[in-house]
Amino acid sequence: MKRLVRYICACLMTLTVLAVSAPGKAQDDASVRIGAPAPDFRLPGIAGEGKSLAQYRGKIVLVNFWASWCPYCRDEMPSMDRLVKAFPKGDLVILAVNVEKKIPERFRKLPFAFDFLSDASGFVQQRYGANRLPDTFIVDRKGVLRQRVTGGIPWDSSQVVSYLKSL
């Protein structure tokens, strides 16, 4: 029995070392590195109009990957709405990129001050390496990726607001 436990532990340790040392897809893609230009994309909005990241150059942009089944994604949306409203109109843009095949109807009618986009093919999600939701990429006014935040946070906190205003 001890031998089996040691064997399992050794296997787990080996897998852990390999997982930690092997760079993931997001790390291999130079286009999603902090300090590099954020990859441009064009996705349809709720009304079908196309929106691109490049059209918001000169503004601070949060590219937020989310899904309706993700409780952390849903929980952070009201704070994102308050965050947008804390900035002068148009100075901060949030692009909420839904990674499901279709944005559920109940989200199409929410009165949030940010845009919902659809990445039904998953191409943009894959390009950014956004595998854990929510996953948010902060892009500065010059189009450079400044931060990546994986997991839900209170976006309207004073620390976040101060950081974003410094960009």
C-alpha atoms as a PDB file:
ATOM      1  CA  MET A   1       0.000   0.000   0.000  1.00  0.00           C
ATOM      2  CA  LYS A   2       2.821   2.425   0.874  1.00  0.00           C
ATOM      3  CA  ARG A   3       4.444   1.682  -2.456  1.00  0.00           C
ATOM      4  CA  LEU A   4       1.235   2.535  -4.314  1.00  0.00           C
ATOM      5  CA  VAL A   5       0.838   5.811  -2.405  1.00  0.00           C
ATOM      6  CA  ARG A   6       4.461   6.776  -3.182  1.00  0.00           C
ATOM      7  CA  TYR A   7       3.944   5.923  -6.838  1.00  0.00           C
ATOM      8  CA  ILE A   8       0.798   8.063  -7.061  1.00  0.00           C
ATOM      9  CA  CYS A   9       2.523  10.948  -5.259  1.00  0.00           C
ATOM     10  CA  ALA A  10       5.508  10.721  -7.608  1.00  0.00           C
ATOM     11  CA  CYS A  11       3.195  10.761 -10.638  1.00  0.00           C
ATOM     12  CA  LEU A  12       1.288  13.768  -9.317  1.00  0.00           C
ATOM     13  CA  MET A  13       4.492  15.658  -8.580  1.00  0.00           C
ATOM     14  CA  THR A  14       5.790  14.956 -12.077  1.00  0.00           C
ATOM     15  CA  LEU A  15       2.561  16.140 -13.666  1.00  0.00           C
ATOM     16  CA  THR A  16       2.586  19.270 -11.504  1.00  0.00           C
ATOM     17  CA  VAL A  17       6.145  20.126 -12.536  1.00  0.00           C
ATOM     18  CA  LEU A  18       5.281  19.581 -16.201  1.00  0.00           C
ATOM     19  CA  ALA A  19       2.121  21.677 -15.946  1.00  0.00           C
ATOM     20  CA  VAL A  20       3.917  24.550 -14.253  1.00  0.00           C
ATOM     21  CA  SER A  21       6.961  24.506 -16.498  1.00  0.00           C
ATOM     22  CA  ALA A  22       5.114  24.070 -19.806  1.00  0.00           C
ATOM     23  CA  PRO A  23       3.900  27.399 -21.122  1.00  0.00           C
ATOM     24  CA  GLY A  24       0.227  27.514 -21.954  1.00  0.00           C
ATOM     25  CA  LYS A  25      -1.218  28.688 -25.234  1.00  0.00           C
ATOM     26  CA  ALA A  26      -1.683  32.228 -23.924  1.00  0.00           C
ATOM     27  CA  GLN A  27       1.981  32.429 -22.963  1.00  0.00           C
ATOM     28  CA  ASP A  28       3.114  31.180 -26.382  1.00  0.00           C
ATOM     29  CA  ASP A  29       1.144  33.820 -28.258  1.00  0.00           C
ATOM     30  CA  ALA A  30       3.211  37.000 -28.275  1.00  0.00           C
ATOM     31  CA  SER A  31       0.079  38.991 -29.096  1.00  0.00           C
ATOM     32  CA  VAL A  32      -1.361  38.571 -25.593  1.00  0.00           C
ATOM     33  CA  ARG A  33       1.662  39.581 -23.557  1.00  0.00           C
ATOM     34  CA  ILE A  34       1.463  42.398 -21.066  1.00  0.00           C
ATOM     35  CA  GLY A  35       3.166  45.446 -22.587  1.00  0.00           C
ATOM     36  CA  ALA A  36       2.477  44.338 -26.178  1.00  0.00           C
ATOM     37  CA  PRO A  37      -0.244  45.656 -28.475  1.00  0.00           C
ATOM     38  CA  ALA A  38      -3.586  43.971 -27.747  1.00  0.00           C
ATOM     39  CA  PRO A  39      -4.761  41.835 -30.673  1.00  0.00           C
ATOM     40  CA  ASP A  40      -7.456  43.590 -32.645  1.00  0.00           C
ATOM     41  CA  PHE A  41     -10.757  41.857 -33.356  1.00  0.00           C
ATOM     42  CA  ARG A  42     -14.159  42.602 -34.799  1.00  0.00           C
ATOM     43  CA  LEU A  43     -17.251  40.984 -33.283  1.00  0.00           C
ATOM     44  CA  PRO A  44     -20.987  41.505 -33.666  1.00  0.00           C
ATOM     45  CA  GLY A  45     -22.897  43.323 -30.960  1.00  0.00           C
ATOM     46  CA  ILE A  46     -26.401  42.523 -29.768  1.00  0.00           C
ATOM     47  CA  ALA A  47     -28.018  44.497 -32.581  1.00  0.00           C
ATOM     48  CA  GLY A  48     -25.684  42.865 -35.122  1.00  0.00           C
ATOM     49  CA  GLU A  49     -23.404  45.881 -35.566  1.00  0.00           C
ATOM     50  CA  GLY A  50     -19.710  45.056 -35.689  1.00  0.00           C
ATOM     51  CA  LYS A  51     -17.385  46.477 -33.050  1.00  0.00           C
ATOM     52  CA  SER A  52     -13.614  46.347 -33.184  1.00  0.00           C
ATOM     53  CA  LEU A  53     -11.027  46.968 -30.507  1.00  0.00           C
ATOM     54  CA  ALA A  54      -9.176  49.364 -32.823  1.00  0.00           C
ATOM     55  CA  GLN A  55     -12.154  51.721 -33.054  1.00  0.00           C
ATOM     56  CA  TYR A  56     -11.657  52.583 -29.366  1.00  0.00           C
ATOM     57  CA  ARG A  57      -8.041  53.750 -29.683  1.00  0.00           C
ATOM     58  CA  GLY A  58      -7.594  56.769 -27.421  1.00  0.00           C
ATOM     59  CA  LYS A  59      -9.844  55.259 -24.762  1.00  0.00           C
ATOM     60  CA  ILE A  60      -9.224  52.814 -21.923  1.00  0.00           C
ATOM     61  CA  VAL A  61     -10.789  49.477 -22.855  1.00  0.00           C
ATOM     62  CA  LEU A  62     -11.646  46.449 -20.749  1.00  0.00           C
ATOM     63  CA  VAL A  63     -12.113  43.334 -22.867  1.00  0.00           C
ATOM     64  CA  ASN A  64     -14.118  41.063 -20.591  1.00  0.00           C
ATOM     65  CA  PHE A  65     -14.700  37.425 -21.573  1.00  0.00           C
ATOM     66  CA  TRP A  66     -17.802  35.997 -19.876  1.00  0.00           C
ATOM     67  CA  ALA A  67     -20.606  33.437 -20.084  1.00  0.00           C
ATOM     68  CA  SER A  68     -24.137  33.471 -18.684  1.00  0.00           C
ATOM     69  CA  TRP A  69     -23.549  30.220 -16.776  1.00  0.00           C
ATOM     70  CA  CYS A  70     -20.590  31.769 -14.888  1.00  0.00           C
ATOM     71  CA  PRO A  71     -21.762  33.172 -11.511  1.00  0.00           C
ATOM     72  CA  TYR A  72     -18.623  35.313 -11.083  1.00  0.00           C
ATOM     73  CA  CYS A  73     -19.230  36.847 -14.502  1.00  0.00           C
ATOM     74  CA  ARG A  74     -22.788  37.778 -13.609  1.00  0.00           C
ATOM     75  CA  ASP A  75     -21.759  39.067 -10.165  1.00  0.00           C
ATOM     76  CA  GLU A  76     -19.171  41.521 -11.512  1.00  0.00           C
ATOM     77  CA  MET A  77     -21.407  43.090 -14.170  1.00  0.00           C
ATOM     78  CA  PRO A  78     -23.110  45.675 -11.897  1.00  0.00           C
ATOM     79  CA  SER A  79     -19.697  46.893 -10.657  1.00  0.00           C
ATOM     80  CA  MET A  80     -18.524  47.149 -14.275  1.00  0.00           C
ATOM     81  CA  ASP A  81     -21.568  49.261 -15.045  1.00  0.00           C
ATOM     82  CA  ARG A  82     -20.783  51.561 -12.106  1.00  0.00           C
ATOM     83  CA  LEU A  83     -17.151  51.738 -13.247  1.00  0.00           C
ATOM     84  CA  VAL A  84     -18.099  52.960 -16.727  1.00  0.00           C
ATOM     85  CA  LYS A  85     -20.341  55.597 -15.174  1.00  0.00           C
ATOM     86  CA  ALA A  86     -17.482  56.801 -12.912  1.00  0.00           C
ATOM     87  CA  PHE A  87     -15.535  58.001 -15.970  1.00  0.00           C
ATOM     88  CA  PRO A  88     -16.319  60.874 -18.321  1.00  0.00           C
ATOM     89  CA  LYS A  89     -18.634  59.631 -21.069  1.00  0.00           C
ATOM     90  CA  GLY A  90     -16.726  57.535 -23.586  1.00  0.00           C
ATOM     91  CA  ASP A  91     -13.383  57.681 -21.752  1.00  0.00           C
ATOM     92  CA  LEU A  92     -13.662  54.058 -20.566  1.00  0.00           C
ATOM     93  CA  VAL A  93     -15.155  51.309 -22.712  1.00  0.00           C
ATOM     94  CA  ILE A  94     -16.066  47.793 -21.644  1.00  0.00           C
ATOM     95  CA  LEU A  95     -16.468  45.162 -24.324  1.00  0.00           C
ATOM     96  CA  ALA A  96     -18.229  42.214 -22.685  1.00  0.00           C
ATOM     97  CA  VAL A  97     -17.369  39.320 -25.001  1.00  0.00           C
ATOM     98  CA  ASN A  98     -19.797  36.443 -24.559  1.00  0.00           C
ATOM     99  CA  VAL A  99     -18.187  33.081 -25.346  1.00  0.00           C
ATOM    100  CA  GLU A 100     -21.394  31.080 -25.753  1.00  0.00           C
ATOM    101  CA  LYS A 101     -22.998  30.136 -29.070  1.00  0.00           C
ATOM    102  CA  LYS A 102     -25.669  32.793 -28.470  1.00  0.00           C
ATOM    103  CA  ILE A 103     -26.059  35.585 -25.917  1.00  0.00           C
ATOM    104  CA  PRO A 104     -29.075  34.614 -23.788  1.00  0.00           C
ATOM    105  CA  GLU A 105     -32.115  36.849 -24.272  1.00  0.00           C
ATOM    106  CA  ARG A 106     -32.173  38.061 -20.656  1.00  0.00           C
ATOM    107  CA  PHE A 107     -28.749  39.684 -21.135  1.00  0.00           C
ATOM    108  CA  ARG A 108     -29.825  41.411 -24.333  1.00  0.00           C
ATOM    109  CA  LYS A 109     -32.227  43.625 -22.388  1.00  0.00           C
ATOM    110  CA  LEU A 110     -30.037  44.603 -19.432  1.00  0.00           C
ATOM    111  CA  PRO A 111     -29.561  48.373 -19.102  1.00  0.00           C
ATOM    112  CA  PHE A 112     -25.775  48.252 -18.696  1.00  0.00           C
ATOM    113  CA  ALA A 113     -23.608  51.097 -20.004  1.00  0.00           C
ATOM    114  CA  PHE A 114     -21.288  48.755 -21.886  1.00  0.00           C
ATOM    115  CA  ASP A 115     -21.418  46.707 -25.063  1.00  0.00           C
ATOM    116  CA  PHE A 116     -22.163  42.996 -25.264  1.00  0.00           C
ATOM    117  CA  LEU A 117     -20.352  41.269 -28.106  1.00  0.00           C
ATOM    118  CA  SER A 118     -20.680  37.706 -29.342  1.00  0.00           C
ATOM    119  CA  ASP A 119     -17.709  35.410 -29.951  1.00  0.00           C
ATOM    120  CA  ALA A 120     -19.808  32.388 -30.973  1.00  0.00           C
ATOM    121  CA  SER A 121     -16.892  30.835 -32.875  1.00  0.00           C
ATOM    122  CA  GLY A 122     -14.544  31.202 -29.897  1.00  0.00           C
ATOM    123  CA  PHE A 123     -11.825  32.627 -32.137  1.00  0.00           C
ATOM    124  CA  VAL A 124     -11.170  35.785 -30.106  1.00  0.00           C
ATOM    125  CA  GLN A 125     -11.366  33.879 -26.811  1.00  0.00           C
ATOM    126  CA  GLN A 126      -8.779  31.426 -28.112  1.00  0.00           C
ATOM    127  CA  ARG A 127      -6.584  34.207 -29.498  1.00  0.00           C
ATOM    128  CA  TYR A 128      -6.511  35.853 -26.069  1.00  0.00           C
ATOM    129  CA  GLY A 129      -6.126  32.543 -24.230  1.00  0.00           C
ATOM    130  CA  ALA A 130      -9.144  33.363 -22.050  1.00  0.00           C
ATOM    131  CA  ASN A 131      -9.796  29.903 -20.662  1.00  0.00           C
ATOM    132  CA  ARG A 132     -10.994  30.777 -17.149  1.00  0.00           C
ATOM    133  CA  LEU A 133     -13.977  33.070 -16.801  1.00  0.00           C
ATOM    134  CA  PRO A 134     -14.347  35.861 -16.228  1.00  0.00           C
ATOM    135  CA  ASP A 135     -11.108  36.932 -17.849  1.00  0.00           C
ATOM    136  CA  THR A 136     -10.552  40.645 -18.415  1.00  0.00           C
ATOM    137  CA  PHE A 137      -7.811  42.373 -20.374  1.00  0.00           C
ATOM    138  CA  ILE A 138      -7.083  46.043 -19.683  1.00  0.00           C
ATOM    139  CA  VAL A 139      -5.966  47.946 -22.767  1.00  0.00           C
ATOM    140  CA  ASP A 140      -4.554  51.469 -22.498  1.00  0.00           C
ATOM    141  CA  ARG A 141      -5.284  54.435 -24.758  1.00  0.00           C
ATOM    142  CA  LYS A 142      -2.506  53.428 -27.169  1.00  0.00           C
ATOM    143  CA  GLY A 143      -3.861  49.905 -27.613  1.00  0.00           C
ATOM    144  CA  VAL A 144      -1.262  48.263 -25.358  1.00  0.00           C
ATOM    145  CA  LEU A 145      -2.282  45.426 -23.054  1.00  0.00           C
ATOM    146  CA  ARG A 146      -1.563  46.584 -19.490  1.00  0.00           C
ATOM    147  CA  GLN A 147      -3.154  43.996 -17.202  1.00  0.00           C
ATOM    148  CA  ARG A 148      -5.018  40.723 -17.165  1.00  0.00           C
ATOM    149  CA  VAL A 149      -7.511  39.977 -14.415  1.00  0.00           C
ATOM    150  CA  THR A 150      -8.772  36.413 -14.166  1.00  0.00           C
ATOM    151  CA  GLY A 151     -11.767  36.008 -11.881  1.00  0.00           C
ATOM    152  CA  GLY A 152     -14.439  38.408 -10.758  1.00  0.00           C
ATOM    153  CA  ILE A 153     -13.495  41.553  -8.861  1.00  0.00           C
ATOM    154  CA  PRO A 154     -15.327  44.680  -7.694  1.00  0.00           C
ATOM    155  CA  TRP A 155     -14.470  46.823 -10.711  1.00  0.00           C
ATOM    156  CA  ASP A 156     -15.710  50.033  -9.124  1.00  0.00           C
ATOM    157  CA  SER A 157     -13.348  49.822  -6.138  1.00  0.00           C
ATOM    158  CA  SER A 158     -11.223  52.917  -5.503  1.00  0.00           C
ATOM    159  CA  GLN A 159      -8.004  50.990  -6.276  1.00  0.00           C
ATOM    160  CA  VAL A 160      -9.245  49.883  -9.688  1.00  0.00           C
ATOM    161  CA  VAL A 161     -10.608  53.326 -10.528  1.00  0.00           C
ATOM    162  CA  SER A 162      -7.304  54.972  -9.537  1.00  0.00           C
ATOM    163  CA  TYR A 163      -5.300  52.479 -11.593  1.00  0.00           C
ATOM    164  CA  LEU A 164      -7.458  52.950 -14.665  1.00  0.00           C
ATOM    165  CA  LYS A 165      -7.342  56.736 -14.370  1.00  0.00           C
ATOM    166  CA  SER A 166      -3.538  56.515 -14.287  1.00  0.00           C
ATOM    167  CA  LEU A 167      -3.565  54.995 -17.750  1.00  0.00           C
END
